[in-house]
Protein backbone atom coordinates (compact mmCIF):
# COMPACT_ATOMS: atom_id res chain seq x y z
CA MET A 1 92.02 139.92 24.05
CA ARG A 2 90.46 140.83 27.40
CA GLN A 3 92.91 141.30 30.25
CA GLN A 4 92.69 138.88 33.16
CA PRO A 5 91.21 140.49 36.32
CA ALA A 6 93.86 141.31 38.95
CA VAL A 7 93.19 140.05 42.48
CA LEU A 8 95.16 141.20 45.54
CA VAL A 9 95.23 138.36 48.10
CA VAL A 10 95.92 139.69 51.61
CA GLU A 11 96.52 136.57 53.71
CA ASP A 12 99.22 135.91 56.31
CA GLU A 13 99.18 132.09 56.07
CA PRO A 14 101.42 131.10 53.12
CA ALA A 15 99.75 127.71 52.54
CA ILE A 16 96.28 129.26 52.26
CA ALA A 17 97.55 132.14 50.13
CA GLU A 18 99.30 129.73 47.74
CA LEU A 19 96.19 127.55 47.42
CA ILE A 20 94.06 130.61 46.65
CA ALA A 21 96.62 131.95 44.15
CA VAL A 22 96.92 128.63 42.29
CA ASN A 23 93.15 128.34 41.91
CA LEU A 24 92.86 131.96 40.79
CA ARG A 25 95.54 131.46 38.11
CA HIS A 26 93.86 128.27 36.84
CA ASN A 27 90.59 130.19 36.48
CA GLY A 28 91.79 133.21 34.56
CA TYR A 29 92.80 135.69 37.31
CA ARG A 30 96.12 137.42 38.05
CA PRO A 31 96.78 137.07 41.80
CA THR A 32 99.24 139.13 43.84
CA TRP A 33 100.01 138.11 47.42
CA ALA A 34 100.54 140.35 50.45
CA SER A 35 101.16 138.75 53.86
CA ASP A 36 100.53 141.80 56.06
CA SER A 37 98.90 145.23 56.11
CA THR A 38 102.09 147.12 55.20
CA THR A 39 102.79 144.99 52.13
CA ALA A 40 99.12 145.14 51.13
CA GLN A 41 99.17 148.94 51.21
CA LYS A 42 102.36 149.02 49.11
CA GLU A 43 100.83 146.69 46.51
CA LEU A 44 97.67 148.80 46.41
CA ASP A 45 99.67 152.01 46.06
CA ALA A 46 101.58 150.51 43.13
CA VAL A 47 98.70 148.91 41.17
CA LEU A 48 94.97 149.11 41.72
CA PRO A 49 93.51 145.56 41.50
CA ASP A 50 90.07 144.59 40.20
CA LEU A 51 89.26 142.90 43.53
CA ILE A 52 90.76 142.35 47.00
CA LEU A 53 90.53 139.11 49.01
CA LEU A 54 91.21 140.40 52.52
CA ASP A 55 91.88 138.26 55.59
CA TRP A 56 90.41 139.62 58.85
CA MET A 57 93.31 138.60 61.13
CA LEU A 58 96.62 140.06 59.94
CA PRO A 59 99.95 141.04 61.54
CA GLY A 60 99.86 144.76 62.28
CA GLU A 61 96.60 146.38 61.20
CA SER A 62 93.60 144.07 60.92
CA GLY A 63 91.70 143.46 57.70
CA LEU A 64 88.75 145.30 59.23
CA THR A 65 90.90 148.42 59.75
CA LEU A 66 92.26 148.20 56.20
CA ALA A 67 88.77 147.84 54.72
CA ARG A 68 87.57 150.94 56.56
CA ARG A 69 90.58 152.95 55.40
CA TRP A 70 90.37 151.85 51.78
CA ARG A 71 86.66 152.69 51.68
CA THR A 72 87.35 156.29 52.75
CA ASP A 73 90.19 156.74 50.23
CA GLU A 74 89.04 158.29 46.94
CA ARG A 75 91.43 156.07 44.94
CA THR A 76 90.44 152.74 46.47
CA LYS A 77 86.83 153.25 47.58
CA ALA A 78 85.34 151.51 44.52
CA VAL A 79 87.60 148.42 44.59
CA PRO A 80 85.49 145.39 45.62
CA ILE A 81 86.55 143.67 48.87
CA ILE A 82 85.74 140.11 49.95
CA MET A 83 86.62 139.43 53.60
CA LEU A 84 88.20 136.07 54.51
CA THR A 85 87.94 135.01 58.11
CA ALA A 86 87.56 132.16 60.57
CA ARG A 87 84.87 134.26 62.30
CA GLY A 88 81.50 132.87 61.26
CA ASP A 89 79.09 134.54 63.69
CA GLU A 90 76.49 136.91 62.28
CA VAL A 91 77.79 139.83 64.34
CA ASP A 92 81.23 139.38 62.74
CA ARG A 93 79.78 139.07 59.22
CA VAL A 94 77.82 142.27 59.75
CA ALA A 95 80.94 144.01 61.13
CA GLY A 96 82.85 143.04 57.98
CA LEU A 97 80.10 144.32 55.70
CA ASP A 98 79.73 147.52 57.73
CA ALA A 99 83.48 148.11 57.39
CA GLY A 100 82.98 148.29 53.64
CA ALA A 101 83.37 144.70 52.44
CA ASP A 102 81.17 143.70 49.50
CA ASP A 103 81.01 140.08 50.59
CA TYR A 104 82.25 137.72 53.29
CA MET A 105 83.66 134.16 53.32
CA ALA A 106 84.11 132.15 56.51
CA LYS A 107 86.99 129.64 56.53
CA PRO A 108 87.16 126.92 55.51
CA PHE A 109 85.60 127.66 52.11
CA SER A 110 85.64 125.71 48.86
CA THR A 111 87.32 126.84 45.66
CA LYS A 112 83.91 126.70 43.96
CA GLU A 113 82.42 129.06 46.53
CA MET A 114 85.35 131.48 46.30
CA LEU A 115 85.17 131.67 42.51
CA ALA A 116 81.39 132.11 42.55
CA ARG A 117 81.64 134.99 45.02
CA ILE A 118 84.42 136.65 42.99
CA ARG A 119 82.40 136.39 39.77
CA ALA A 120 79.31 137.79 41.48
CA VAL A 121 81.16 140.76 43.01
CA LEU A 122 82.92 141.60 39.73
CA ARG A 123 79.58 141.46 37.88
CA ARG A 124 78.13 143.97 40.34
CA ARG A 125 81.06 146.27 39.64
CA ALA A 126 80.70 146.04 35.84
CA PRO A 127 79.18 149.15 34.20
CA GLU A 128 75.53 149.01 33.17
CA GLN A 129 74.86 148.71 29.46
CA ASN A 130 72.67 151.28 27.67
CA ALA A 131 71.86 152.99 30.94
CA GLY A 132 70.65 156.58 30.72
CA PRO A 133 70.06 158.98 33.63
CA LEU A 134 67.20 158.14 36.02
CA THR A 135 65.26 160.74 37.99
CA VAL A 136 62.78 159.98 40.74
CA GLY A 137 61.52 163.01 42.62
CA GLU A 138 64.57 165.18 43.34
CA LEU A 139 67.02 162.26 43.15
CA THR A 140 69.01 161.71 39.93
CA LEU A 141 71.30 158.80 39.03
CA ASP A 142 73.50 158.73 35.93
CA ALA A 143 74.96 155.26 35.34
CA SER A 144 77.26 156.43 32.53
CA THR A 145 79.14 158.81 34.85
CA HIS A 146 78.43 156.84 38.05
CA ARG A 147 77.02 159.96 39.75
CA VAL A 148 74.07 160.45 42.09
CA SER A 149 72.66 163.79 43.19
CA HIS A 150 69.80 164.98 45.40
CA ARG A 151 68.45 168.50 44.88
CA GLY A 152 71.53 169.17 42.78
CA GLN A 153 73.95 168.12 45.52
CA PRO A 154 76.27 165.16 44.73
CA LEU A 155 76.04 162.04 46.92
CA ARG A 156 78.81 159.49 47.49
CA LEU A 157 77.80 155.84 47.16
CA GLY A 158 79.82 152.63 47.23
CA PRO A 159 79.67 150.34 44.15
CA THR A 160 77.10 147.93 45.58
CA GLU A 161 74.90 150.72 46.96
CA PHE A 162 75.02 152.39 43.53
CA LYS A 163 73.90 149.18 41.81
CA LEU A 164 71.14 148.68 44.39
CA LEU A 165 69.88 152.25 44.01
CA HIS A 166 70.03 151.97 40.22
CA TYR A 167 67.80 148.90 40.29
CA LEU A 168 65.36 150.36 42.81
CA MET A 169 65.03 153.65 40.93
CA GLY A 170 64.49 151.78 37.68
CA HIS A 171 61.64 149.86 39.32
CA ALA A 172 60.19 152.57 41.55
CA GLU A 173 56.99 152.00 43.55
CA ARG A 174 57.31 148.20 43.31
CA VAL A 175 57.92 146.02 46.35
CA HIS A 176 60.99 143.79 46.07
CA SER A 177 61.73 140.88 48.39
CA ARG A 178 65.28 140.37 49.64
CA GLY A 179 65.55 137.29 47.44
CA GLN A 180 64.49 139.27 44.37
CA LEU A 181 67.04 141.98 45.12
CA LEU A 182 69.78 139.38 45.55
CA ASP A 183 68.85 137.90 42.18
CA LYS A 184 68.62 141.21 40.31
CA VAL A 185 71.40 143.22 41.99
CA TRP A 186 73.90 140.56 43.11
CA GLY A 187 73.21 138.26 40.17
CA ASP A 188 74.59 135.07 41.69
CA HIS A 189 73.25 134.70 45.21
CA VAL A 190 73.76 130.99 45.74
CA PHE A 191 76.30 131.77 48.49
CA ILE A 192 74.98 135.14 49.67
CA GLU A 193 72.63 135.52 52.62
CA GLU A 194 69.53 137.71 52.57
CA ARG A 195 70.93 139.57 55.60
CA THR A 196 73.45 141.08 53.18
CA VAL A 197 70.62 143.05 51.54
CA ASP A 198 69.66 144.67 54.86
CA VAL A 199 73.26 145.75 55.47
CA HIS A 200 73.54 147.40 52.05
CA VAL A 201 70.11 149.04 52.35
CA LYS A 202 71.25 150.54 55.66
CA ARG A 203 74.42 151.81 53.99
CA LEU A 204 72.42 153.17 51.05
CA ARG A 205 70.10 155.11 53.35
CA GLU A 206 73.06 156.61 55.18
CA ALA A 207 74.54 157.75 51.86
CA LEU A 208 71.22 159.21 50.65
CA GLY A 209 70.92 161.52 53.67
CA GLU A 210 67.75 163.60 53.32
CA ALA A 211 66.50 161.24 50.59
CA ALA A 212 66.86 158.14 52.80
CA ALA A 213 63.11 157.87 53.41
CA MET A 214 62.60 157.14 49.69
CA VAL A 215 63.85 153.60 50.41
CA GLU A 216 60.95 152.13 52.36
CA THR A 217 60.85 148.93 54.37
CA VAL A 218 57.65 147.03 53.64
CA ARG A 219 57.12 144.85 56.68
CA GLY A 220 57.04 141.15 55.85
CA ALA A 221 57.65 141.82 52.14
CA GLY A 222 60.93 143.62 51.48
CA TYR A 223 61.78 147.09 50.17
CA ARG A 224 60.22 149.70 47.91
CA PHE A 225 61.64 152.87 46.34
CA THR A 226 59.07 155.66 46.34
CA VAL A 227 58.90 159.36 45.58
CA GLN A 228 56.29 159.80 48.33
CA PRO A 229 57.52 158.11 51.53
CA ALA A 230 54.77 157.02 53.89
CA LEU A 231 54.47 158.67 57.28
CA VAL A 232 56.16 156.56 59.95
CA ASP A 233 53.82 155.26 62.62
CA LYS A 234 55.69 155.73 65.88
CA HIS A 235 53.04 154.11 68.05
């Protein structure tokens, strides 16, 4: 029997946390509640969850600060994070994603939306089936070991950036629209905005370093992964 996914709910409002926890239990998840940053860190130190629902505004350290710290920690960097916040402006959504969140929900949100986002994020984290190593130019990705290297040097990618790179390398030289990437990489994009793709592409390029130019922006069309990046027209 498959174990129920564990979800750490970091939310300082008891009524909201209880509502989230009840709905998670009724839909096959094992929720744990932390009301502040200190408790959240203790829970995370004790047991690594399958996913974190993280409120932006918390007593003590903010959710944004926690997300940044957990993304730089070797033990927690691959745990998916969905930010919960009353902040709905684009600049705040981008800030949450840049801090390391895999997705973002603005309050108030429906139970249906929350569950759809959780399912989508957990699918992205699931290992690829029958996936052998891919090599494009001097970049190599091995899905079975979750490793990426360029010219023999290992690169560190987050879980969503890894999945994005895996798809792009497997379909090199083709142009993919943001909508296509959402469909193929995110899997369930009914609640996810196309802007999310741009944020993760930016993060992917930063992680690729010298190989960043292999991920090309095709103006008006989307993105393409290529072994021969085009010269940038600076005029």
